[in-house]
PDB file of all heavy atoms in Angstrom:
ATOM      1  N   ARG A   1       9.516  -5.268  -0.731  1.00  0.00           N
ATOM      2  CA  ARG A   1      10.217  -4.131  -1.361  1.00  0.00           C
ATOM      3  C   ARG A   1       9.279  -3.269  -2.178  1.00  0.00           C
ATOM      4  O   ARG A   1       9.570  -2.081  -2.451  1.00  0.00           O
ATOM      5  CB  ARG A   1      11.374  -4.639  -2.220  1.00  0.00           C
ATOM      6  CG  ARG A   1      12.473  -5.312  -1.409  1.00  0.00           C
ATOM      7  CD  ARG A   1      13.695  -5.615  -2.245  1.00  0.00           C
ATOM      8  NE  ARG A   1      14.702  -6.341  -1.445  1.00  0.00           N
ATOM      9  CZ  ARG A   1      15.596  -5.748  -0.657  1.00  0.00           C
ATOM     10  NH1 ARG A   1      15.587  -4.413  -0.554  1.00  0.00           N
ATOM     11  NH2 ARG A   1      16.474  -6.451   0.022  1.00  0.00           N
ATOM     12  N   ALA A   2       8.128  -3.831  -2.555  1.00  0.00           N
ATOM     13  CA  ALA A   2       7.160  -3.057  -3.344  1.00  0.00           C
ATOM     14  C   ALA A   2       6.275  -2.207  -2.417  1.00  0.00           C
ATOM     15  O   ALA A   2       5.514  -1.341  -2.912  1.00  0.00           O
ATOM     16  CB  ALA A   2       6.276  -3.988  -4.177  1.00  0.00           C
ATOM     17  N   LEU A   3       6.355  -2.393  -1.112  1.00  0.00           N
ATOM     18  CA  LEU A   3       5.575  -1.599  -0.178  1.00  0.00           C
ATOM     19  C   LEU A   3       6.098  -0.166  -0.148  1.00  0.00           C
ATOM     20  O   LEU A   3       7.238   0.075  -0.558  1.00  0.00           O
ATOM     21  CB  LEU A   3       5.644  -2.205   1.239  1.00  0.00           C
ATOM     22  CG  LEU A   3       4.985  -3.580   1.406  1.00  0.00           C
ATOM     23  CD1 LEU A   3       5.300  -4.133   2.806  1.00  0.00           C
ATOM     24  CD2 LEU A   3       3.488  -3.485   1.208  1.00  0.00           C
ATOM     25  N   PRO A   4       5.299   0.813   0.282  1.00  0.00           N
ATOM     26  CA  PRO A   4       5.721   2.229   0.224  1.00  0.00           C
ATOM     27  C   PRO A   4       7.097   2.491   0.792  1.00  0.00           C
ATOM     28  O   PRO A   4       7.907   3.234   0.202  1.00  0.00           O
ATOM     29  CB  PRO A   4       4.627   2.939   1.029  1.00  0.00           C
ATOM     30  CG  PRO A   4       3.428   2.085   0.872  1.00  0.00           C
ATOM     31  CD  PRO A   4       3.934   0.663   0.819  1.00  0.00           C
ATOM     32  N   ASP A   5       7.430   1.910   1.939  1.00  0.00           N
ATOM     33  CA  ASP A   5       8.735   2.130   2.575  1.00  0.00           C
ATOM     34  C   ASP A   5       9.526   0.847   2.692  1.00  0.00           C
ATOM     35  O   ASP A   5      10.434   0.722   3.526  1.00  0.00           O
ATOM     36  CB  ASP A   5       8.560   2.742   3.971  1.00  0.00           C
ATOM     37  CG  ASP A   5       7.963   4.133   3.908  1.00  0.00           C
ATOM     38  OD1 ASP A   5       8.448   4.953   3.073  1.00  0.00           O
ATOM     39  OD2 ASP A   5       6.962   4.414   4.618  1.00  0.00           O
ATOM     40  N   GLY A   6       9.195  -0.143   1.862  1.00  0.00           N
ATOM     41  CA  GLY A   6       9.935  -1.401   1.884  1.00  0.00           C
ATOM     42  C   GLY A   6       9.888  -2.067   3.243  1.00  0.00           C
ATOM     43  O   GLY A   6       8.794  -2.198   3.844  1.00  0.00           O
ATOM     44  N   TYR A   7      11.039  -2.495   3.713  1.00  0.00           N
ATOM     45  CA  TYR A   7      11.106  -3.168   5.005  1.00  0.00           C
ATOM     46  C   TYR A   7      10.823  -2.239   6.174  1.00  0.00           C
ATOM     47  O   TYR A   7      10.550  -2.701   7.272  1.00  0.00           O
ATOM     48  CB  TYR A   7      12.505  -3.795   5.188  1.00  0.00           C
ATOM     49  CG  TYR A   7      12.692  -5.086   4.448  1.00  0.00           C
ATOM     50  CD1 TYR A   7      13.066  -5.087   3.087  1.00  0.00           C
ATOM     51  CD2 TYR A   7      12.521  -6.304   5.065  1.00  0.00           C
ATOM     52  CE1 TYR A   7      13.234  -6.286   2.416  1.00  0.00           C
ATOM     53  CE2 TYR A   7      12.686  -7.500   4.402  1.00  0.00           C
ATOM     54  CZ  TYR A   7      13.016  -7.500   3.062  1.00  0.00           C
ATOM     55  OH  TYR A   7      13.193  -8.680   2.364  1.00  0.00           O
ATOM     56  N   ASP A   8      10.838  -0.930   5.921  1.00  0.00           N
ATOM     57  CA  ASP A   8      10.522   0.041   7.003  1.00  0.00           C
ATOM     58  C   ASP A   8       9.060   0.408   7.026  1.00  0.00           C
ATOM     59  O   ASP A   8       8.648   1.293   7.815  1.00  0.00           O
ATOM     60  CB  ASP A   8      11.368   1.294   6.832  1.00  0.00           C
ATOM     61  CG  ASP A   8      12.856   0.994   7.047  1.00  0.00           C
ATOM     62  OD1 ASP A   8      13.175   0.242   7.971  1.00  0.00           O
ATOM     63  OD2 ASP A   8      13.686   1.531   6.276  1.00  0.00           O
ATOM     64  N   THR A   9       8.219  -0.197   6.166  1.00  0.00           N
ATOM     65  CA  THR A   9       6.805   0.115   6.157  1.00  0.00           C
ATOM     66  C   THR A   9       6.168  -0.315   7.480  1.00  0.00           C
ATOM     67  O   THR A   9       6.331  -1.435   7.945  1.00  0.00           O
ATOM     68  CB  THR A   9       6.113  -0.612   5.002  1.00  0.00           C
ATOM     69  OG1 THR A   9       6.703  -0.248   3.755  1.00  0.00           O
ATOM     70  CG2 THR A   9       4.635  -0.334   4.979  1.00  0.00           C
ATOM     71  N   ILE A  10       5.427   0.608   8.076  1.00  0.00           N
ATOM     72  CA  ILE A  10       4.732   0.324   9.331  1.00  0.00           C
ATOM     73  C   ILE A  10       3.411  -0.371   9.026  1.00  0.00           C
ATOM     74  O   ILE A  10       2.592   0.168   8.258  1.00  0.00           O
ATOM     75  CB  ILE A  10       4.486   1.617  10.146  1.00  0.00           C
ATOM     76  CG1 ILE A  10       5.813   2.340  10.409  1.00  0.00           C
ATOM     77  CG2 ILE A  10       3.764   1.311  11.462  1.00  0.00           C
ATOM     78  CD1 ILE A  10       6.796   1.535  11.243  1.00  0.00           C
ATOM     79  N   LEU A  11       3.216  -1.493   9.610  1.00  0.00           N
ATOM     80  CA  LEU A  11       1.998  -2.268   9.371  1.00  0.00           C
ATOM     81  C   LEU A  11       0.869  -1.769  10.260  1.00  0.00           C
ATOM     82  O   LEU A  11       1.102  -1.232  11.361  1.00  0.00           O
ATOM     83  CB  LEU A  11       2.250  -3.762   9.634  1.00  0.00           C
ATOM     84  CG  LEU A  11       3.360  -4.414   8.795  1.00  0.00           C
ATOM     85  CD1 LEU A  11       3.457  -5.873   9.154  1.00  0.00           C
ATOM     86  CD2 LEU A  11       3.062  -4.244   7.293  1.00  0.00           C
ATOM     87  N   GLY A  12      -0.368  -1.993   9.805  1.00  0.00           N
ATOM     88  CA  GLY A  12      -1.522  -1.736  10.662  1.00  0.00           C
ATOM     89  C   GLY A  12      -1.600  -2.762  11.756  1.00  0.00           C
ATOM     90  O   GLY A  12      -0.886  -3.765  11.783  1.00  0.00           O
ATOM     91  N   GLU A  13      -2.466  -2.534  12.711  1.00  0.00           N
ATOM     92  CA  GLU A  13      -2.639  -3.445  13.853  1.00  0.00           C
ATOM     93  C   GLU A  13      -2.940  -4.863  13.355  1.00  0.00           C
ATOM     94  O   GLU A  13      -3.791  -5.048  12.495  1.00  0.00           O
ATOM     95  CB  GLU A  13      -3.761  -2.944  14.778  1.00  0.00           C
ATOM     96  CG  GLU A  13      -3.892  -3.798  16.036  1.00  0.00           C
ATOM     97  CD  GLU A  13      -5.003  -3.271  16.940  1.00  0.00           C
ATOM     98  OE1 GLU A  13      -5.662  -2.287  16.532  1.00  0.00           O
ATOM     99  OE2 GLU A  13      -5.197  -3.823  18.023  1.00  0.00           O
ATOM    100  N   ARG A  14      -2.190  -5.838  13.861  1.00  0.00           N
ATOM    101  CA  ARG A  14      -2.319  -7.252  13.497  1.00  0.00           C
ATOM    102  C   ARG A  14      -2.044  -7.460  11.997  1.00  0.00           C
ATOM    103  O   ARG A  14      -2.448  -8.497  11.449  1.00  0.00           O
ATOM    104  CB  ARG A  14      -3.693  -7.806  13.886  1.00  0.00           C
ATOM    105  CG  ARG A  14      -3.999  -7.744  15.353  1.00  0.00           C
ATOM    106  CD  ARG A  14      -5.354  -8.291  15.669  1.00  0.00           C
ATOM    107  NE  ARG A  14      -5.410  -9.722  15.353  1.00  0.00           N
ATOM    108  CZ  ARG A  14      -5.043 -10.692  16.207  1.00  0.00           C
ATOM    109  NH1 ARG A  14      -4.590 -10.390  17.400  1.00  0.00           N
ATOM    110  NH2 ARG A  14      -5.158 -11.959  15.840  1.00  0.00           N
ATOM    111  N   GLY A  15      -1.373  -6.489  11.354  1.00  0.00           N
ATOM    112  CA  GLY A  15      -1.024  -6.672   9.953  1.00  0.00           C
ATOM    113  C   GLY A  15      -2.190  -6.572   9.020  1.00  0.00           C
ATOM    114  O   GLY A  15      -2.154  -7.117   7.880  1.00  0.00           O
ATOM    115  N   GLU A  16      -3.268  -5.843   9.402  1.00  0.00           N
ATOM    116  CA  GLU A  16      -4.485  -5.797   8.615  1.00  0.00           C
ATOM    117  C   GLU A  16      -4.285  -5.107   7.273  1.00  0.00           C
ATOM    118  O   GLU A  16      -5.115  -5.216   6.383  1.00  0.00           O
ATOM    119  CB  GLU A  16      -5.593  -5.099   9.389  1.00  0.00           C
ATOM    120  CG  GLU A  16      -6.120  -5.866  10.598  1.00  0.00           C
ATOM    121  CD  GLU A  16      -6.821  -7.154  10.175  1.00  0.00           C
ATOM    122  OE1 GLU A  16      -7.351  -7.212   9.046  1.00  0.00           O
ATOM    123  OE2 GLU A  16      -6.810  -8.109  10.963  1.00  0.00           O
ATOM    124  N   THR A  17      -3.189  -4.368   7.098  1.00  0.00           N
ATOM    125  CA  THR A  17      -2.945  -3.678   5.834  1.00  0.00           C
ATOM    126  C   THR A  17      -2.380  -4.626   4.772  1.00  0.00           C
ATOM    127  O   THR A  17      -2.221  -4.209   3.627  1.00  0.00           O
ATOM    128  CB  THR A  17      -1.950  -2.513   6.038  1.00  0.00           C
ATOM    129  OG1 THR A  17      -0.813  -2.978   6.725  1.00  0.00           O
ATOM    130  CG2 THR A  17      -2.607  -1.414   6.856  1.00  0.00           C
ATOM    131  N   LEU A  18      -2.090  -5.871   5.138  1.00  0.00           N
ATOM    132  CA  LEU A  18      -1.578  -6.853   4.208  1.00  0.00           C
ATOM    133  C   LEU A  18      -2.643  -7.914   3.918  1.00  0.00           C
ATOM    134  O   LEU A  18      -3.604  -8.100   4.686  1.00  0.00           O
ATOM    135  CB  LEU A  18      -0.346  -7.559   4.774  1.00  0.00           C
ATOM    136  CG  LEU A  18       0.851  -6.660   5.138  1.00  0.00           C
ATOM    137  CD1 LEU A  18       1.967  -7.510   5.744  1.00  0.00           C
ATOM    138  CD2 LEU A  18       1.344  -5.896   3.928  1.00  0.00           C
ATOM    139  N   SER A  19      -2.450  -8.616   2.818  1.00  0.00           N
ATOM    140  CA  SER A  19      -3.362  -9.728   2.498  1.00  0.00           C
ATOM    141  C   SER A  19      -3.026 -10.927   3.382  1.00  0.00           C
ATOM    142  O   SER A  19      -1.961 -10.968   4.038  1.00  0.00           O
ATOM    143  CB  SER A  19      -3.209 -10.134   1.035  1.00  0.00           C
ATOM    144  OG  SER A  19      -1.927 -10.722   0.813  1.00  0.00           O
ATOM    145  N   GLY A  20      -3.917 -11.934   3.411  1.00  0.00           N
ATOM    146  CA  GLY A  20      -3.670 -13.117   4.230  1.00  0.00           C
ATOM    147  C   GLY A  20      -2.405 -13.838   3.827  1.00  0.00           C
ATOM    148  O   GLY A  20      -1.628 -14.269   4.679  1.00  0.00           O
ATOM    149  N   GLY A  21      -2.177 -13.954   2.523  1.00  0.00           N
ATOM    150  CA  GLY A  21      -0.952 -14.641   2.066  1.00  0.00           C
ATOM    151  C   GLY A  21       0.286 -13.866   2.426  1.00  0.00           C
ATOM    152  O   GLY A  21       1.310 -14.462   2.799  1.00  0.00           O
ATOM    153  N   GLN A  22       0.253 -12.531   2.339  1.00  0.00           N
ATOM    154  CA  GLN A  22       1.404 -11.727   2.699  1.00  0.00           C
ATOM    155  C   GLN A  22       1.702 -11.862   4.202  1.00  0.00           C
ATOM    156  O   GLN A  22       2.863 -11.948   4.600  1.00  0.00           O
ATOM    157  CB  GLN A  22       1.162 -10.274   2.317  1.00  0.00           C
ATOM    158  CG  GLN A  22       1.181 -10.032   0.808  1.00  0.00           C
ATOM    159  CD  GLN A  22       0.755  -8.617   0.459  1.00  0.00           C
ATOM    160  OE1 GLN A  22      -0.036  -7.975   1.176  1.00  0.00           O
ATOM    161  NE2 GLN A  22       1.242  -8.101  -0.668  1.00  0.00           N
ATOM    162  N   ARG A  23       0.666 -11.865   5.000  1.00  0.00           N
ATOM    163  CA  ARG A  23       0.889 -12.000   6.451  1.00  0.00           C
ATOM    164  C   ARG A  23       1.548 -13.348   6.746  1.00  0.00           C
ATOM    165  O   ARG A  23       2.446 -13.456   7.585  1.00  0.00           O
ATOM    166  CB  ARG A  23      -0.452 -11.880   7.199  1.00  0.00           C
ATOM    167  CG  ARG A  23      -1.016 -10.505   7.242  1.00  0.00           C
ATOM    168  CD  ARG A  23      -2.077 -10.356   8.340  1.00  0.00           C
ATOM    169  NE  ARG A  23      -3.199 -11.243   8.131  1.00  0.00           N
ATOM    170  CZ  ARG A  23      -4.284 -10.899   7.414  1.00  0.00           C
ATOM    171  NH1 ARG A  23      -4.370  -9.709   6.834  1.00  0.00           N
ATOM    172  NH2 ARG A  23      -5.276 -11.752   7.280  1.00  0.00           N
ATOM    173  N   GLN A  24       1.086 -14.386   6.069  1.00  0.00           N
ATOM    174  CA  GLN A  24       1.647 -15.722   6.316  1.00  0.00           C
ATOM    175  C   GLN A  24       3.108 -15.794   5.876  1.00  0.00           C
ATOM    176  O   GLN A  24       3.927 -16.436   6.518  1.00  0.00           O
ATOM    177  CB  GLN A  24       0.825 -16.816   5.616  1.00  0.00           C
ATOM    178  CG  GLN A  24      -0.503 -17.134   6.318  1.00  0.00           C
ATOM    179  CD  GLN A  24      -0.299 -17.666   7.718  1.00  0.00           C
ATOM    180  OE1 GLN A  24      -0.038 -16.909   8.645  1.00  0.00           O
ATOM    181  NE2 GLN A  24      -0.375 -18.958   7.883  1.00  0.00           N
ATOM    182  N   ARG A  25       3.441 -15.131   4.784  1.00  0.00           N
ATOM    183  CA  ARG A  25       4.837 -15.171   4.311  1.00  0.00           C
ATOM    184  C   ARG A  25       5.752 -14.477   5.332  1.00  0.00           C
ATOM    185  O   ARG A  25       6.869 -14.927   5.579  1.00  0.00           O
ATOM    186  CB  ARG A  25       4.959 -14.492   2.947  1.00  0.00           C
ATOM    187  CG  ARG A  25       4.326 -15.301   1.813  1.00  0.00           C
ATOM    188  CD  ARG A  25       4.671 -14.743   0.447  1.00  0.00           C
ATOM    189  NE  ARG A  25       3.888 -15.367  -0.598  1.00  0.00           N
ATOM    190  CZ  ARG A  25       4.168 -16.551  -1.141  1.00  0.00           C
ATOM    191  NH1 ARG A  25       5.198 -17.223  -0.671  1.00  0.00           N
ATOM    192  NH2 ARG A  25       3.394 -17.061  -2.093  1.00  0.00           N
ATOM    193  N   ILE A  26       5.291 -13.378   5.892  1.00  0.00           N
ATOM    194  CA  ILE A  26       6.108 -12.685   6.912  1.00  0.00           C
ATOM    195  C   ILE A  26       6.217 -13.586   8.141  1.00  0.00           C
ATOM    196  O   ILE A  26       7.312 -13.682   8.757  1.00  0.00           O
ATOM    197  CB  ILE A  26       5.462 -11.325   7.257  1.00  0.00           C
ATOM    198  CG1 ILE A  26       5.645 -10.377   6.101  1.00  0.00           C
ATOM    199  CG2 ILE A  26       6.130 -10.748   8.530  1.00  0.00           C
ATOM    200  CD1 ILE A  26       5.010  -9.009   6.323  1.00  0.00           C
ATOM    201  N   ALA A  27       5.140 -14.291   8.510  1.00  0.00           N
ATOM    202  CA  ALA A  27       5.203 -15.212   9.646  1.00  0.00           C
ATOM    203  C   ALA A  27       6.161 -16.360   9.365  1.00  0.00           C
ATOM    204  O   ALA A  27       6.903 -16.807  10.253  1.00  0.00           O
ATOM    205  CB  ALA A  27       3.822 -15.737   9.951  1.00  0.00           C
ATOM    206  N   ILE A  28       6.165 -16.843   8.139  1.00  0.00           N
ATOM    207  CA  ILE A  28       7.082 -17.915   7.770  1.00  0.00           C
ATOM    208  C   ILE A  28       8.530 -17.404   7.791  1.00  0.00           C
ATOM    209  O   ILE A  28       9.449 -18.091   8.256  1.00  0.00           O
ATOM    210  CB  ILE A  28       6.733 -18.488   6.383  1.00  0.00           C
ATOM    211  CG1 ILE A  28       5.361 -19.191   6.436  1.00  0.00           C
ATOM    212  CG2 ILE A  28       7.784 -19.459   5.892  1.00  0.00           C
ATOM    213  CD1 ILE A  28       4.807 -19.561   5.073  1.00  0.00           C
ATOM    214  N   ALA A  29       8.755 -16.173   7.289  1.00  0.00           N
ATOM    215  CA  ALA A  29      10.095 -15.597   7.316  1.00  0.00           C
ATOM    216  C   ALA A  29      10.544 -15.457   8.787  1.00  0.00           C
ATOM    217  O   ALA A  29      11.722 -15.716   9.083  1.00  0.00           O
ATOM    218  CB  ALA A  29      10.069 -14.225   6.653  1.00  0.00           C
ATOM    219  N   ARG A  30       9.661 -15.091   9.648  1.00  0.00           N
ATOM    220  CA  ARG A  30       9.990 -14.969  11.066  1.00  0.00           C
ATOM    221  C   ARG A  30      10.418 -16.324  11.634  1.00  0.00           C
ATOM    222  O   ARG A  30      11.380 -16.408  12.425  1.00  0.00           O
ATOM    223  CB  ARG A  30       8.780 -14.420  11.827  1.00  0.00           C
ATOM    224  CG  ARG A  30       9.020 -14.146  13.295  1.00  0.00           C
ATOM    225  CD  ARG A  30       7.896 -13.252  13.857  1.00  0.00           C
ATOM    226  NE  ARG A  30       6.566 -13.881  13.705  1.00  0.00           N
ATOM    227  CZ  ARG A  30       5.414 -13.218  13.880  1.00  0.00           C
ATOM    228  NH1 ARG A  30       5.446 -11.920  14.161  1.00  0.00           N
ATOM    229  NH2 ARG A  30       4.280 -13.827  13.764  1.00  0.00           N
ATOM    230  N   ALA A  31       9.698 -17.371  11.265  1.00  0.00           N
ATOM    231  CA  ALA A  31      10.049 -18.713  11.732  1.00  0.00           C
ATOM    232  C   ALA A  31      11.368 -19.177  11.159  1.00  0.00           C
ATOM    233  O   ALA A  31      12.174 -19.814  11.836  1.00  0.00           O
ATOM    234  CB  ALA A  31       8.926 -19.699  11.366  1.00  0.00           C
ATOM    235  N   ILE A  32      11.611 -18.877   9.855  1.00  0.00           N
ATOM    236  CA  ILE A  32      12.900 -19.256   9.238  1.00  0.00           C
ATOM    237  C   ILE A  32      14.044 -18.540   9.910  1.00  0.00           C
ATOM    238  O   ILE A  32      15.095 -19.121  10.191  1.00  0.00           O
ATOM    239  CB  ILE A  32      12.842 -18.975   7.730  1.00  0.00           C
ATOM    240  CG1 ILE A  32      11.856 -19.887   7.031  1.00  0.00           C
ATOM    241  CG2 ILE A  32      14.244 -19.089   7.128  1.00  0.00           C
ATOM    242  CD1 ILE A  32      11.648 -19.560   5.557  1.00  0.00           C
ATOM    243  N   LEU A  33      13.887 -17.261  10.188  1.00  0.00           N
ATOM    244  CA  LEU A  33      14.927 -16.465  10.830  1.00  0.00           C
ATOM    245  C   LEU A  33      15.253 -17.021  12.216  1.00  0.00           C
ATOM    246  O   LEU A  33      16.414 -16.995  12.656  1.00  0.00           O
ATOM    247  CB  LEU A  33      14.483 -15.018  10.953  1.00  0.00           C
ATOM    248  CG  LEU A  33      15.498 -14.033  11.590  1.00  0.00           C
ATOM    249  CD1 LEU A  33      16.748 -13.931  10.718  1.00  0.00           C
ATOM    250  CD2 LEU A  33      14.884 -12.686  11.811  1.00  0.00           C
ATOM    251  N   ARG A  34      14.243 -17.521  12.900  1.00  0.00           N
ATOM    252  CA  ARG A  34      14.488 -18.060  14.250  1.00  0.00           C
ATOM    253  C   ARG A  34      15.443 -19.248  14.202  1.00  0.00           C
ATOM    254  O   ARG A  34      16.192 -19.503  15.130  1.00  0.00           O
ATOM    255  CB  ARG A  34      13.171 -18.488  14.883  1.00  0.00           C
ATOM    256  CG  ARG A  34      13.288 -18.853  16.375  1.00  0.00           C
ATOM    257  CD  ARG A  34      11.903 -18.931  16.995  1.00  0.00           C
ATOM    258  NE  ARG A  34      11.936 -19.251  18.419  1.00  0.00           N
ATOM    259  CZ  ARG A  34      12.182 -18.377  19.394  1.00  0.00           C
ATOM    260  NH1 ARG A  34      12.472 -17.132  19.066  1.00  0.00           N
ATOM    261  NH2 ARG A  34      12.173 -18.741  20.666  1.00  0.00           N
ATOM    262  N   ASP A  35      15.389 -19.989  13.081  1.00  0.00           N
ATOM    263  CA  ASP A  35      16.312 -21.101  12.840  1.00  0.00           C
ATOM    264  C   ASP A  35      16.318 -22.075  14.020  1.00  0.00           C
ATOM    265  O   ASP A  35      17.366 -22.524  14.502  1.00  0.00           O
ATOM    266  CB  ASP A  35      17.746 -20.550  12.633  1.00  0.00           C
ATOM    267  CG  ASP A  35      18.685 -21.611  12.067  1.00  0.00           C
ATOM    268  OD1 ASP A  35      18.179 -22.567  11.418  1.00  0.00           O
ATOM    269  OD2 ASP A  35      19.905 -21.541  12.326  1.00  0.00           O
ATOM    270  N   ALA A  36      15.094 -22.412  14.461  1.00  0.00           N
ATOM    271  CA  ALA A  36      14.945 -23.370  15.568  1.00  0.00           C
ATOM    272  C   ALA A  36      14.901 -24.791  15.031  1.00  0.00           C
ATOM    273  O   ALA A  36      14.441 -25.031  13.923  1.00  0.00           O
ATOM    274  CB  ALA A  36      13.690 -23.063  16.361  1.00  0.00           C
ATOM    275  N   PRO A  37      15.363 -25.767  15.818  1.00  0.00           N
ATOM    276  CA  PRO A  37      15.361 -27.142  15.347  1.00  0.00           C
ATOM    277  C   PRO A  37      13.982 -27.779  15.277  1.00  0.00           C
ATOM    278  O   PRO A  37      13.787 -28.786  14.619  1.00  0.00           O
ATOM    279  CB  PRO A  37      16.259 -27.864  16.343  1.00  0.00           C
ATOM    280  CG  PRO A  37      16.137 -27.055  17.593  1.00  0.00           C
ATOM    281  CD  PRO A  37      16.030 -25.625  17.112  1.00  0.00           C
TER     282      PRO A  37
END
């Protein structure tokens, strides 16, 4: 939400505009959303 456009912020290629920890949190959120067993 602190990003310029929040959830609508367009990331750079491979997420290079984010830090390593931020990229991993988005990846973890993606895995949580998948809700796979």
